[in-house]
Amino acid sequence: MTRWRLDGVASEVGHFRVGPVDLEIGGVGAVAVLGPSGAGKTTLLRALAGVGPVTSGRLEADGVDLGASPPEQRRVGYVPQGLALFPHRTVRANVSYPLRLRTPPRPDAEADPLLERFGLEALADRRPPSLSTGEQERVAIARALAAEPRLLLWDEPLTALDRPARDALLDVFREVRERSRLPLVFVTHDPTIAFSIADDALVLDRGQVEYAGPVERLLDRPTSPFAARFAGYENVLGPSALTGTGEGLGTLLARHAGPGGLCFRAPTARPPADRGAFGATVERVEPSLGGFLYTATVGPGRVRLRSDRGQRWRAGDPVTFDLAETDLVTIPRAVGEPR
């Protein structure tokens, strides 16, 4: 299996630059590229595919520099965000298209195993506009695999799908990983999708790398406030915010803070009669999976708390909380500091 390496890779499109990125993709590993809109996720994917520029750094496959190689020499399967299916061709013709580009061309019938694998046999003679979004996604991934790539790139899968269709395509996603034995790089803005599939994560913000490494480390020890928010920490407090959380709480938190502050998961909100360490007042209530999330004021500052379905607080209610069972995670890098 091909091992891919990005050594200081950067890509510039107009006035926008993403990178430099240092990353290794080996074996059957999956890398999730995370970030908000405009972070540079698609720009990076296009540079890997060869349809966008590598303006600096080195992109290698098994030690061979591919930075200036055209797409057809990279053997990269690319599923773009818009899928780019041929609307006038049938599903079978779309999937078999890469086979026709071989020298010599190979028969369309060689696409039949892929049609069967992705549940497309009954749709083989239909055209993409008549398919659901999930069906179109399966056609696009089958076409990418028909090219027998050595790296698979997938841009924003699952974004436009409802929950049942998304879950079904997640199973396809996992099957591609396990059966195709290909390294996979996929773009998403949804951390829950990333963390359910990826081994490694690359977090981008405005073209800059905020985190690169194993998913587990991002979840347990995020390296910047931005990465902590993408890792799902409800409370991310920079150094200036610590003094606004009340004297006792601020002192406790400051002992654990690094240059970037600290982060922690939402503690449980308890009744004011409980002997909680800190008092707070509920400001806002949000339903969440299995319970509720609260924004609560502590002195002039705010914290995020949670409760299960059995206890719901309302705006204006006094509550207490403590941090005895909450990990306070030091953030080693402030916003804007280099990695």
C-alpha atoms as a PDB file:
ATOM      1  CA  MET A   1       0.000   0.000   0.000  1.00  0.00           C
ATOM      2  CA  THR A   2       1.190   3.464  -0.888  1.00  0.00           C
ATOM      3  CA  ARG A   3       2.398   5.775   1.866  1.00  0.00           C
ATOM      4  CA  TRP A   4       1.730   9.462   1.342  1.00  0.00           C
ATOM      5  CA  ARG A   5       3.617  12.294   2.969  1.00  0.00           C
ATOM      6  CA  LEU A   6       2.982  16.036   3.023  1.00  0.00           C
ATOM      7  CA  ASP A   7       6.105  17.919   4.017  1.00  0.00           C
ATOM      8  CA  GLY A   8       5.342  21.626   4.403  1.00  0.00           C
ATOM      9  CA  VAL A   9       2.756  21.494   1.605  1.00  0.00           C
ATOM     10  CA  ALA A  10       1.007  24.795   0.891  1.00  0.00           C
ATOM     11  CA  SER A  11      -1.455  25.746  -1.826  1.00  0.00           C
ATOM     12  CA  GLU A  12      -2.325  29.273  -2.939  1.00  0.00           C
ATOM     13  CA  VAL A  13      -5.420  30.213  -4.911  1.00  0.00           C
ATOM     14  CA  GLY A  14      -5.656  33.938  -5.569  1.00  0.00           C
ATOM     15  CA  HIS A  15      -4.921  35.701  -2.294  1.00  0.00           C
ATOM     16  CA  PHE A  16      -5.810  32.662  -0.176  1.00  0.00           C
ATOM     17  CA  ARG A  17      -3.145  30.297   1.139  1.00  0.00           C
ATOM     18  CA  VAL A  18      -3.589  27.043   3.038  1.00  0.00           C
ATOM     19  CA  GLY A  19      -0.689  25.457   4.864  1.00  0.00           C
ATOM     20  CA  PRO A  20       2.059  24.609   5.373  1.00  0.00           C
ATOM     21  CA  VAL A  21       0.774  21.119   6.206  1.00  0.00           C
ATOM     22  CA  ASP A  22       2.897  18.282   7.566  1.00  0.00           C
ATOM     23  CA  LEU A  23       1.072  14.965   7.460  1.00  0.00           C
ATOM     24  CA  GLU A  24       1.652  11.268   6.846  1.00  0.00           C
ATOM     25  CA  ILE A  25      -1.068   9.025   5.425  1.00  0.00           C
ATOM     26  CA  GLY A  26      -0.143   5.376   5.432  1.00  0.00           C
ATOM     27  CA  GLY A  27      -1.672   1.950   5.141  1.00  0.00           C
ATOM     28  CA  VAL A  28      -5.450   2.120   5.392  1.00  0.00           C
ATOM     29  CA  GLY A  29      -5.517   5.167   7.644  1.00  0.00           C
ATOM     30  CA  ALA A  30      -8.282   7.754   7.436  1.00  0.00           C
ATOM     31  CA  VAL A  31      -7.630  11.466   7.914  1.00  0.00           C
ATOM     32  CA  ALA A  32     -10.450  13.923   8.595  1.00  0.00           C
ATOM     33  CA  VAL A  33      -9.841  17.498   7.469  1.00  0.00           C
ATOM     34  CA  LEU A  34     -11.923  19.685   9.770  1.00  0.00           C
ATOM     35  CA  GLY A  35     -12.701  23.363   9.849  1.00  0.00           C
ATOM     36  CA  PRO A  36     -15.398  25.966   9.251  1.00  0.00           C
ATOM     37  CA  SER A  37     -16.382  27.263   5.821  1.00  0.00           C
ATOM     38  CA  GLY A  38     -13.485  29.122   4.237  1.00  0.00           C
ATOM     39  CA  ALA A  39     -10.853  27.271   6.277  1.00  0.00           C
ATOM     40  CA  GLY A  40      -9.115  25.876   3.191  1.00  0.00           C
ATOM     41  CA  LYS A  41     -10.302  22.269   3.379  1.00  0.00           C
ATOM     42  CA  THR A  42     -11.319  21.922  -0.271  1.00  0.00           C
ATOM     43  CA  THR A  43      -8.264  23.890  -1.432  1.00  0.00           C
ATOM     44  CA  LEU A  44      -6.028  21.327   0.280  1.00  0.00           C
ATOM     45  CA  LEU A  45      -7.967  18.375  -1.143  1.00  0.00           C
ATOM     46  CA  ARG A  46      -7.735  19.792  -4.674  1.00  0.00           C
ATOM     47  CA  ALA A  47      -3.969  20.194  -4.263  1.00  0.00           C
ATOM     48  CA  LEU A  48      -3.697  16.522  -3.268  1.00  0.00           C
ATOM     49  CA  ALA A  49      -5.810  15.488  -6.258  1.00  0.00           C
ATOM     50  CA  GLY A  50      -3.693  17.510  -8.679  1.00  0.00           C
ATOM     51  CA  VAL A  51      -6.490  19.821  -9.780  1.00  0.00           C
ATOM     52  CA  GLY A  52      -5.154  22.597  -7.546  1.00  0.00           C
ATOM     53  CA  PRO A  53      -1.572  23.845  -7.133  1.00  0.00           C
ATOM     54  CA  VAL A  54       1.083  22.736  -4.660  1.00  0.00           C
ATOM     55  CA  THR A  55       2.876  26.070  -4.422  1.00  0.00           C
ATOM     56  CA  SER A  56       5.479  25.038  -1.851  1.00  0.00           C
ATOM     57  CA  GLY A  57       6.569  21.995   0.080  1.00  0.00           C
ATOM     58  CA  ARG A  58       6.738  18.397  -1.061  1.00  0.00           C
ATOM     59  CA  LEU A  59       3.941  15.914  -1.731  1.00  0.00           C
ATOM     60  CA  GLU A  60       5.277  12.354  -1.848  1.00  0.00           C
ATOM     61  CA  ALA A  61       3.907   8.920  -2.635  1.00  0.00           C
ATOM     62  CA  ASP A  62       6.325   6.209  -1.513  1.00  0.00           C
ATOM     63  CA  GLY A  63       9.118   8.776  -1.568  1.00  0.00           C
ATOM     64  CA  VAL A  64       8.372  10.071  -5.092  1.00  0.00           C
ATOM     65  CA  ASP A  65       7.642  13.811  -5.359  1.00  0.00           C
ATOM     66  CA  LEU A  66       4.252  14.295  -7.037  1.00  0.00           C
ATOM     67  CA  GLY A  67       3.903  18.030  -6.516  1.00  0.00           C
ATOM     68  CA  ALA A  68       4.146  18.833 -10.224  1.00  0.00           C
ATOM     69  CA  SER A  69       2.493  15.633 -11.505  1.00  0.00           C
ATOM     70  CA  PRO A  70      -0.835  15.845 -13.356  1.00  0.00           C
ATOM     71  CA  PRO A  71      -3.876  14.139 -11.804  1.00  0.00           C
ATOM     72  CA  GLU A  72      -3.758  11.092 -14.073  1.00  0.00           C
ATOM     73  CA  GLN A  73      -0.262  10.224 -12.836  1.00  0.00           C
ATOM     74  CA  ARG A  74      -1.171  10.405  -9.161  1.00  0.00           C
ATOM     75  CA  ARG A  75      -3.831   7.666  -9.209  1.00  0.00           C
ATOM     76  CA  VAL A  76      -5.961   9.565  -6.733  1.00  0.00           C
ATOM     77  CA  GLY A  77      -9.704   8.964  -6.525  1.00  0.00           C
ATOM     78  CA  TYR A  78     -11.486  12.266  -5.920  1.00  0.00           C
ATOM     79  CA  VAL A  79     -15.154  12.675  -4.982  1.00  0.00           C
ATOM     80  CA  PRO A  80     -15.756  16.448  -5.103  1.00  0.00           C
ATOM     81  CA  GLN A  81     -18.379  18.205  -3.032  1.00  0.00           C
ATOM     82  CA  GLY A  82     -20.712  18.651  -6.010  1.00  0.00           C
ATOM     83  CA  LEU A  83     -20.025  15.018  -7.072  1.00  0.00           C
ATOM     84  CA  ALA A  84     -19.524  16.078 -10.741  1.00  0.00           C
ATOM     85  CA  LEU A  85     -21.583  13.206 -12.126  1.00  0.00           C
ATOM     86  CA  PHE A  86     -22.440  13.306 -15.820  1.00  0.00           C
ATOM     87  CA  PRO A  87     -26.179  14.132 -15.825  1.00  0.00           C
ATOM     88  CA  HIS A  88     -26.742  12.848 -19.371  1.00  0.00           C
ATOM     89  CA  ARG A  89     -25.091   9.461 -18.750  1.00  0.00           C
ATOM     90  CA  THR A  90     -26.614   6.482 -16.995  1.00  0.00           C
ATOM     91  CA  VAL A  91     -25.385   5.262 -13.632  1.00  0.00           C
ATOM     92  CA  ARG A  92     -23.532   2.414 -15.355  1.00  0.00           C
ATOM     93  CA  ALA A  93     -21.886   4.814 -17.804  1.00  0.00           C
ATOM     94  CA  ASN A  94     -20.847   7.120 -14.963  1.00  0.00           C
ATOM     95  CA  VAL A  95     -19.269   4.328 -12.951  1.00  0.00           C
ATOM     96  CA  SER A  96     -17.557   2.772 -15.974  1.00  0.00           C
ATOM     97  CA  TYR A  97     -16.213   6.092 -17.269  1.00  0.00           C
ATOM     98  CA  PRO A  98     -12.699   5.618 -15.776  1.00  0.00           C
ATOM     99  CA  LEU A  99     -12.514   2.193 -17.466  1.00  0.00           C
ATOM    100  CA  ARG A 100     -12.946   3.816 -20.880  1.00  0.00           C
ATOM    101  CA  LEU A 101      -9.935   6.040 -20.237  1.00  0.00           C
ATOM    102  CA  ARG A 102      -7.581   3.081 -19.811  1.00  0.00           C
ATOM    103  CA  THR A 103      -5.144   2.110 -22.506  1.00  0.00           C
ATOM    104  CA  PRO A 104      -6.560  -0.035 -23.992  1.00  0.00           C
ATOM    105  CA  PRO A 105     -10.119   0.823 -22.865  1.00  0.00           C
ATOM    106  CA  ARG A 106     -11.817  -1.783 -20.691  1.00  0.00           C
ATOM    107  CA  PRO A 107     -15.428  -2.940 -21.116  1.00  0.00           C
ATOM    108  CA  ASP A 108     -18.252  -1.332 -19.181  1.00  0.00           C
ATOM    109  CA  ALA A 109     -19.153  -4.733 -17.764  1.00  0.00           C
ATOM    110  CA  GLU A 110     -16.139  -4.513 -15.444  1.00  0.00           C
ATOM    111  CA  ALA A 111     -18.091  -1.879 -13.501  1.00  0.00           C
ATOM    112  CA  ASP A 112     -20.834  -4.391 -12.613  1.00  0.00           C
ATOM    113  CA  PRO A 113     -19.151  -5.625  -9.391  1.00  0.00           C
ATOM    114  CA  LEU A 114     -19.020  -2.030  -8.151  1.00  0.00           C
ATOM    115  CA  LEU A 115     -22.685  -1.497  -9.030  1.00  0.00           C
ATOM    116  CA  GLU A 116     -23.542  -4.589  -7.008  1.00  0.00           C
ATOM    117  CA  ARG A 117     -21.263  -3.630  -4.130  1.00  0.00           C
ATOM    118  CA  PHE A 118     -22.929  -0.236  -3.678  1.00  0.00           C
ATOM    119  CA  GLY A 119     -26.496  -1.412  -4.277  1.00  0.00           C
ATOM    120  CA  LEU A 120     -26.784   0.306  -7.659  1.00  0.00           C
ATOM    121  CA  GLU A 121     -27.745  -2.625  -9.914  1.00  0.00           C
ATOM    122  CA  ALA A 122     -31.428  -1.653 -10.055  1.00  0.00           C
ATOM    123  CA  LEU A 123     -30.436   1.954 -10.820  1.00  0.00           C
ATOM    124  CA  ALA A 124     -27.881   1.142 -13.518  1.00  0.00           C
ATOM    125  CA  ASP A 125     -29.975   2.510 -16.412  1.00  0.00           C
ATOM    126  CA  ARG A 126     -31.181   5.637 -14.643  1.00  0.00           C
ATOM    127  CA  ARG A 127     -29.540   9.061 -14.819  1.00  0.00           C
ATOM    128  CA  PRO A 128     -28.197  11.022 -11.815  1.00  0.00           C
ATOM    129  CA  PRO A 129     -30.891  13.760 -11.757  1.00  0.00           C
ATOM    130  CA  SER A 130     -33.500  11.084 -11.019  1.00  0.00           C
ATOM    131  CA  LEU A 131     -31.589   9.742  -7.991  1.00  0.00           C
ATOM    132  CA  SER A 132     -31.655  10.777  -4.349  1.00  0.00           C
ATOM    133  CA  THR A 133     -28.625  12.570  -2.904  1.00  0.00           C
ATOM    134  CA  GLY A 134     -27.520   9.424  -1.088  1.00  0.00           C
ATOM    135  CA  GLU A 135     -27.771   7.372  -4.285  1.00  0.00           C
ATOM    136  CA  GLN A 136     -25.751   9.977  -6.156  1.00  0.00           C
ATOM    137  CA  GLU A 137     -23.061   9.802  -3.449  1.00  0.00           C
ATOM    138  CA  ARG A 138     -22.822   6.031  -3.951  1.00  0.00           C
ATOM    139  CA  VAL A 139     -22.490   6.470  -7.718  1.00  0.00           C
ATOM    140  CA  ALA A 140     -19.687   8.991  -7.208  1.00  0.00           C
ATOM    141  CA  ILE A 141     -17.732   6.765  -4.815  1.00  0.00           C
ATOM    142  CA  ALA A 142     -18.168   3.742  -7.107  1.00  0.00           C
ATOM    143  CA  ARG A 143     -16.834   5.784 -10.036  1.00  0.00           C
ATOM    144  CA  ALA A 144     -13.832   6.922  -7.974  1.00  0.00           C
ATOM    145  CA  LEU A 145     -13.009   3.318  -7.057  1.00  0.00           C
ATOM    146  CA  ALA A 146     -13.356   2.171 -10.691  1.00  0.00           C
ATOM    147  CA  ALA A 147     -10.139   4.089 -11.389  1.00  0.00           C
ATOM    148  CA  GLU A 148      -8.310   1.754  -8.947  1.00  0.00           C
ATOM    149  CA  PRO A 149      -6.794   4.653  -6.991  1.00  0.00           C
ATOM    150  CA  ARG A 150      -4.060   4.411  -4.367  1.00  0.00           C
ATOM    151  CA  LEU A 151      -5.518   7.318  -2.356  1.00  0.00           C
ATOM    152  CA  LEU A 152      -9.187   8.260  -1.970  1.00  0.00           C
ATOM    153  CA  LEU A 153     -10.297  11.857  -1.380  1.00  0.00           C
ATOM    154  CA  TRP A 154     -13.886  12.689  -0.427  1.00  0.00           C
ATOM    155  CA  ASP A 155     -15.098  16.276  -0.032  1.00  0.00           C
ATOM    156  CA  GLU A 156     -17.950  16.913   2.430  1.00  0.00           C
ATOM    157  CA  PRO A 157     -19.723  13.560   2.289  1.00  0.00           C
ATOM    158  CA  LEU A 158     -23.046  13.277   4.085  1.00  0.00           C
ATOM    159  CA  THR A 159     -23.585  17.061   4.303  1.00  0.00           C
ATOM    160  CA  ALA A 160     -26.905  17.256   2.457  1.00  0.00           C
ATOM    161  CA  LEU A 161     -28.393  14.028   3.812  1.00  0.00           C
ATOM    162  CA  ASP A 162     -31.072  13.445   6.423  1.00  0.00           C
ATOM    163  CA  ARG A 163     -30.166  11.317   9.455  1.00  0.00           C
ATOM    164  CA  PRO A 164     -31.256   7.875   8.123  1.00  0.00           C
ATOM    165  CA  ALA A 165     -29.537   8.457   4.758  1.00  0.00           C
ATOM    166  CA  ARG A 166     -26.434   9.772   6.524  1.00  0.00           C
ATOM    167  CA  ASP A 167     -26.212   6.710   8.768  1.00  0.00           C
ATOM    168  CA  ALA A 168     -26.611   4.419   5.751  1.00  0.00           C
ATOM    169  CA  LEU A 169     -23.839   6.208   3.885  1.00  0.00           C
ATOM    170  CA  LEU A 170     -21.625   6.109   6.973  1.00  0.00           C
ATOM    171  CA  ASP A 171     -21.835   2.322   6.716  1.00  0.00           C
ATOM    172  CA  VAL A 172     -20.743   2.612   3.069  1.00  0.00           C
ATOM    173  CA  PHE A 173     -17.909   4.856   4.198  1.00  0.00           C
ATOM    174  CA  ARG A 174     -16.693   2.271   6.716  1.00  0.00           C
ATOM    175  CA  GLU A 175     -17.036  -0.515   4.161  1.00  0.00           C
ATOM    176  CA  VAL A 176     -14.877   1.413   1.691  1.00  0.00           C
ATOM    177  CA  ARG A 177     -12.175   1.733   4.347  1.00  0.00           C
ATOM    178  CA  GLU A 178     -12.217  -1.916   5.347  1.00  0.00           C
ATOM    179  CA  ARG A 179     -12.670  -3.566   1.967  1.00  0.00           C
ATOM    180  CA  SER A 180     -10.804  -1.283  -0.412  1.00  0.00           C
ATOM    181  CA  ARG A 181      -7.724  -1.123   1.828  1.00  0.00           C
ATOM    182  CA  LEU A 182      -7.065   2.442   0.712  1.00  0.00           C
ATOM    183  CA  PRO A 183      -5.840   5.446   2.667  1.00  0.00           C
ATOM    184  CA  LEU A 184      -8.650   7.973   2.875  1.00  0.00           C
ATOM    185  CA  VAL A 185      -8.708  11.739   3.320  1.00  0.00           C
ATOM    186  CA  PHE A 186     -12.108  13.327   3.748  1.00  0.00           C
ATOM    187  CA  VAL A 187     -13.279  16.868   4.379  1.00  0.00           C
ATOM    188  CA  THR A 188     -16.013  17.645   6.872  1.00  0.00           C
ATOM    189  CA  HIS A 189     -17.174  20.419   9.174  1.00  0.00           C
ATOM    190  CA  ASP A 190     -18.962  17.903  11.417  1.00  0.00           C
ATOM    191  CA  PRO A 191     -16.685  16.553  14.190  1.00  0.00           C
ATOM    192  CA  THR A 192     -19.090  13.707  15.005  1.00  0.00           C
ATOM    193  CA  ILE A 193     -18.625  12.278  11.508  1.00  0.00           C
ATOM    194  CA  ALA A 194     -14.868  12.755  11.692  1.00  0.00           C
ATOM    195  CA  PHE A 195     -14.448  11.119  15.078  1.00  0.00           C
ATOM    196  CA  SER A 196     -16.550   8.089  14.158  1.00  0.00           C
ATOM    197  CA  ILE A 197     -14.331   7.194  11.195  1.00  0.00           C
ATOM    198  CA  ALA A 198     -10.950   8.920  11.206  1.00  0.00           C
ATOM    199  CA  ASP A 199      -7.690   7.836  12.811  1.00  0.00           C
ATOM    200  CA  ASP A 200      -6.106  11.272  12.428  1.00  0.00           C
ATOM    201  CA  ALA A 201      -7.445  14.806  12.218  1.00  0.00           C
ATOM    202  CA  LEU A 202      -6.211  17.956  10.522  1.00  0.00           C
ATOM    203  CA  VAL A 203      -7.950  21.076  11.849  1.00  0.00           C
ATOM    204  CA  LEU A 204      -7.747  24.211   9.689  1.00  0.00           C
ATOM    205  CA  ASP A 205      -8.787  27.784  10.349  1.00  0.00           C
ATOM    206  CA  ARG A 206      -8.384  30.459   7.661  1.00  0.00           C
ATOM    207  CA  GLY A 207      -5.730  28.351   5.956  1.00  0.00           C
ATOM    208  CA  GLN A 208      -3.662  27.805   9.095  1.00  0.00           C
ATOM    209  CA  VAL A 209      -3.115  24.411  10.733  1.00  0.00           C
ATOM    210  CA  GLU A 210      -4.568  24.432  14.248  1.00  0.00           C
ATOM    211  CA  TYR A 211      -4.014  20.738  14.911  1.00  0.00           C
ATOM    212  CA  ALA A 212      -2.521  17.729  13.112  1.00  0.00           C
ATOM    213  CA  GLY A 213      -2.347  14.316  14.719  1.00  0.00           C
ATOM    214  CA  PRO A 214      -4.349  11.424  16.175  1.00  0.00           C
ATOM    215  CA  VAL A 215      -8.049  11.938  16.862  1.00  0.00           C
ATOM    216  CA  GLU A 216      -7.637  10.623  20.415  1.00  0.00           C
ATOM    217  CA  ARG A 217      -5.076  13.305  21.226  1.00  0.00           C
ATOM    218  CA  LEU A 218      -7.298  16.034  19.808  1.00  0.00           C
ATOM    219  CA  LEU A 219     -10.141  14.852  22.038  1.00  0.00           C
ATOM    220  CA  ASP A 220      -7.998  14.501  25.149  1.00  0.00           C
ATOM    221  CA  ARG A 221      -5.399  17.247  24.752  1.00  0.00           C
ATOM    222  CA  PRO A 222      -6.319  19.920  22.180  1.00  0.00           C
ATOM    223  CA  THR A 223      -3.431  22.248  21.391  1.00  0.00           C
ATOM    224  CA  SER A 224      -5.273  25.555  20.913  1.00  0.00           C
ATOM    225  CA  PRO A 225      -8.592  27.172  21.855  1.00  0.00           C
ATOM    226  CA  PHE A 226      -9.852  26.715  18.291  1.00  0.00           C
ATOM    227  CA  ALA A 227      -8.956  23.005  18.287  1.00  0.00           C
ATOM    228  CA  ALA A 228     -10.613  22.585  21.687  1.00  0.00           C
ATOM    229  CA  ARG A 229     -13.902  23.936  20.344  1.00  0.00           C
ATOM    230  CA  PHE A 230     -13.752  21.548  17.387  1.00  0.00           C
ATOM    231  CA  ALA A 231     -13.032  18.711  19.796  1.00  0.00           C
ATOM    232  CA  GLY A 232     -16.384  19.463  21.430  1.00  0.00           C
ATOM    233  CA  TYR A 233     -15.308  21.086  24.693  1.00  0.00           C
ATOM    234  CA  GLU A 234     -18.227  23.152  25.932  1.00  0.00           C
ATOM    235  CA  ASN A 235     -16.010  25.390  28.074  1.00  0.00           C
ATOM    236  CA  VAL A 236     -12.983  26.964  26.406  1.00  0.00           C
ATOM    237  CA  LEU A 237     -11.594  29.821  28.479  1.00  0.00           C
ATOM    238  CA  GLY A 238      -8.703  31.972  27.356  1.00  0.00           C
ATOM    239  CA  PRO A 239      -6.448  33.629  29.945  1.00  0.00           C
ATOM    240  CA  SER A 240      -8.447  36.853  29.914  1.00  0.00           C
ATOM    241  CA  ALA A 241     -11.710  34.968  30.552  1.00  0.00           C
ATOM    242  CA  LEU A 242     -10.441  33.234  33.683  1.00  0.00           C
ATOM    243  CA  THR A 243     -10.588  36.340  35.838  1.00  0.00           C
ATOM    244  CA  GLY A 244     -14.228  36.822  34.837  1.00  0.00           C
ATOM    245  CA  THR A 245     -15.452  33.551  36.345  1.00  0.00           C
ATOM    246  CA  GLY A 246     -15.578  34.670  39.963  1.00  0.00           C
ATOM    247  CA  GLU A 247     -12.799  34.789  42.509  1.00  0.00           C
ATOM    248  CA  GLY A 248     -12.832  31.185  43.750  1.00  0.00           C
ATOM    249  CA  LEU A 249     -13.504  29.545  40.409  1.00  0.00           C
ATOM    250  CA  GLY A 250     -11.075  31.830  38.576  1.00  0.00           C
ATOM    251  CA  THR A 251      -8.295  30.982  41.026  1.00  0.00           C
ATOM    252  CA  LEU A 252      -8.899  27.251  40.618  1.00  0.00           C
ATOM    253  CA  LEU A 253      -8.982  27.432  36.822  1.00  0.00           C
ATOM    254  CA  ALA A 254      -5.913  29.664  36.612  1.00  0.00           C
ATOM    255  CA  ARG A 255      -3.835  26.961  38.316  1.00  0.00           C
ATOM    256  CA  HIS A 256      -4.497  24.643  35.376  1.00  0.00           C
ATOM    257  CA  ALA A 257      -4.303  27.187  32.552  1.00  0.00           C
ATOM    258  CA  GLY A 258      -1.583  27.373  29.939  1.00  0.00           C
ATOM    259  CA  PRO A 259      -0.731  30.158  27.468  1.00  0.00           C
ATOM    260  CA  GLY A 260      -3.952  29.344  25.606  1.00  0.00           C
ATOM    261  CA  GLY A 261      -6.081  29.032  28.732  1.00  0.00           C
ATOM    262  CA  LEU A 262      -7.860  25.782  29.496  1.00  0.00           C
ATOM    263  CA  CYS A 263     -10.917  23.757  28.512  1.00  0.00           C
ATOM    264  CA  PHE A 264     -13.271  21.327  30.204  1.00  0.00           C
ATOM    265  CA  ARG A 265     -16.461  19.410  29.520  1.00  0.00           C
ATOM    266  CA  ALA A 266     -19.732  20.759  30.837  1.00  0.00           C
ATOM    267  CA  PRO A 267     -20.178  19.864  34.534  1.00  0.00           C
ATOM    268  CA  THR A 268     -23.544  18.764  35.886  1.00  0.00           C
ATOM    269  CA  ALA A 269     -25.894  21.475  37.144  1.00  0.00           C
ATOM    270  CA  ARG A 270     -27.270  20.680  40.598  1.00  0.00           C
ATOM    271  CA  PRO A 271     -29.948  22.195  42.854  1.00  0.00           C
ATOM    272  CA  PRO A 272     -28.902  25.272  44.806  1.00  0.00           C
ATOM    273  CA  ALA A 273     -29.489  23.367  48.074  1.00  0.00           C
ATOM    274  CA  ASP A 274     -26.694  20.942  47.108  1.00  0.00           C
ATOM    275  CA  ARG A 275     -23.350  21.786  48.571  1.00  0.00           C
ATOM    276  CA  GLY A 276     -21.802  22.491  45.207  1.00  0.00           C
ATOM    277  CA  ALA A 277     -18.521  24.351  45.160  1.00  0.00           C
ATOM    278  CA  PHE A 278     -19.760  27.169  42.915  1.00  0.00           C
ATOM    279  CA  GLY A 279     -23.026  28.987  42.431  1.00  0.00           C
ATOM    280  CA  ALA A 280     -24.371  30.083  39.049  1.00  0.00           C
ATOM    281  CA  THR A 281     -27.531  31.444  37.449  1.00  0.00           C
ATOM    282  CA  VAL A 282     -29.021  29.856  34.326  1.00  0.00           C
ATOM    283  CA  GLU A 283     -29.092  32.288  31.425  1.00  0.00           C
ATOM    284  CA  ARG A 284     -30.036  30.078  28.448  1.00  0.00           C
ATOM    285  CA  VAL A 285     -31.323  26.505  27.963  1.00  0.00           C
ATOM    286  CA  GLU A 286     -30.670  24.294  24.908  1.00  0.00           C
ATOM    287  CA  PRO A 287     -31.975  20.753  24.346  1.00  0.00           C
ATOM    288  CA  SER A 288     -29.216  18.256  23.605  1.00  0.00           C
ATOM    289  CA  LEU A 289     -28.911  14.527  23.060  1.00  0.00           C
ATOM    290  CA  GLY A 290     -30.007  12.904  26.311  1.00  0.00           C
ATOM    291  CA  GLY A 291     -30.605  16.107  28.234  1.00  0.00           C
ATOM    292  CA  PHE A 292     -30.024  19.855  28.278  1.00  0.00           C
ATOM    293  CA  LEU A 293     -27.138  22.271  27.950  1.00  0.00           C
ATOM    294  CA  TYR A 294     -27.112  25.528  29.889  1.00  0.00           C
ATOM    295  CA  THR A 295     -25.240  28.774  29.629  1.00  0.00           C
ATOM    296  CA  ALA A 296     -24.949  30.059  33.189  1.00  0.00           C
ATOM    297  CA  THR A 297     -23.415  33.180  34.668  1.00  0.00           C
ATOM    298  CA  VAL A 298     -20.756  32.931  37.377  1.00  0.00           C
ATOM    299  CA  GLY A 299     -19.960  36.428  38.569  1.00  0.00           C
ATOM    300  CA  PRO A 300     -19.297  38.454  35.422  1.00  0.00           C
ATOM    301  CA  GLY A 301     -18.318  35.306  33.475  1.00  0.00           C
ATOM    302  CA  ARG A 302     -20.130  32.330  31.930  1.00  0.00           C
ATOM    303  CA  VAL A 303     -19.842  28.554  32.017  1.00  0.00           C
ATOM    304  CA  ARG A 304     -21.608  25.782  30.175  1.00  0.00           C
ATOM    305  CA  LEU A 305     -23.384  23.150  32.283  1.00  0.00           C
ATOM    306  CA  ARG A 306     -25.534  20.125  31.511  1.00  0.00           C
ATOM    307  CA  SER A 307     -28.248  17.917  32.965  1.00  0.00           C
ATOM    308  CA  ASP A 308     -30.084  14.788  31.902  1.00  0.00           C
ATOM    309  CA  ARG A 309     -33.760  14.683  30.894  1.00  0.00           C
ATOM    310  CA  GLY A 310     -34.817  14.112  34.478  1.00  0.00           C
ATOM    311  CA  GLN A 311     -33.864  17.612  35.579  1.00  0.00           C
ATOM    312  CA  ARG A 312     -34.521  20.746  33.592  1.00  0.00           C
ATOM    313  CA  TRP A 313     -33.588  24.192  34.792  1.00  0.00           C
ATOM    314  CA  ARG A 314     -35.014  27.376  33.339  1.00  0.00           C
ATOM    315  CA  ALA A 315     -33.577  30.799  32.653  1.00  0.00           C
ATOM    316  CA  GLY A 316     -33.126  32.678  35.932  1.00  0.00           C
ATOM    317  CA  ASP A 317     -32.860  29.531  38.091  1.00  0.00           C
ATOM    318  CA  PRO A 318     -29.978  29.371  40.586  1.00  0.00           C
ATOM    319  CA  VAL A 319     -27.840  26.213  40.345  1.00  0.00           C
ATOM    320  CA  THR A 320     -24.582  24.876  41.727  1.00  0.00           C
ATOM    321  CA  PHE A 321     -21.809  22.798  40.173  1.00  0.00           C
ATOM    322  CA  ASP A 322     -18.416  21.454  41.060  1.00  0.00           C
ATOM    323  CA  LEU A 323     -15.380  20.297  39.095  1.00  0.00           C
ATOM    324  CA  ALA A 324     -14.456  17.257  41.195  1.00  0.00           C
ATOM    325  CA  GLU A 325     -15.116  14.805  38.353  1.00  0.00           C
ATOM    326  CA  THR A 326     -14.188  17.154  35.517  1.00  0.00           C
ATOM    327  CA  ASP A 327     -10.804  17.072  33.788  1.00  0.00           C
ATOM    328  CA  LEU A 328      -9.336  20.546  33.452  1.00  0.00           C
ATOM    329  CA  VAL A 329      -7.246  20.443  30.279  1.00  0.00           C
ATOM    330  CA  THR A 330      -4.377  22.871  29.808  1.00  0.00           C
ATOM    331  CA  ILE A 331      -4.228  24.579  26.406  1.00  0.00           C
ATOM    332  CA  PRO A 332      -0.550  25.038  25.542  1.00  0.00           C
ATOM    333  CA  ARG A 333      -0.875  27.455  22.634  1.00  0.00           C
ATOM    334  CA  ALA A 334      -2.639  30.801  22.463  1.00  0.00           C
ATOM    335  CA  VAL A 335      -4.588  32.022  19.450  1.00  0.00           C
ATOM    336  CA  GLY A 336      -2.191  33.132  16.719  1.00  0.00           C
ATOM    337  CA  GLU A 337       0.867  31.374  18.144  1.00  0.00           C
ATOM    338  CA  PRO A 338       2.747  29.113  15.700  1.00  0.00           C
ATOM    339  CA  ARG A 339       2.511  25.361  16.138  1.00  0.00           C
END
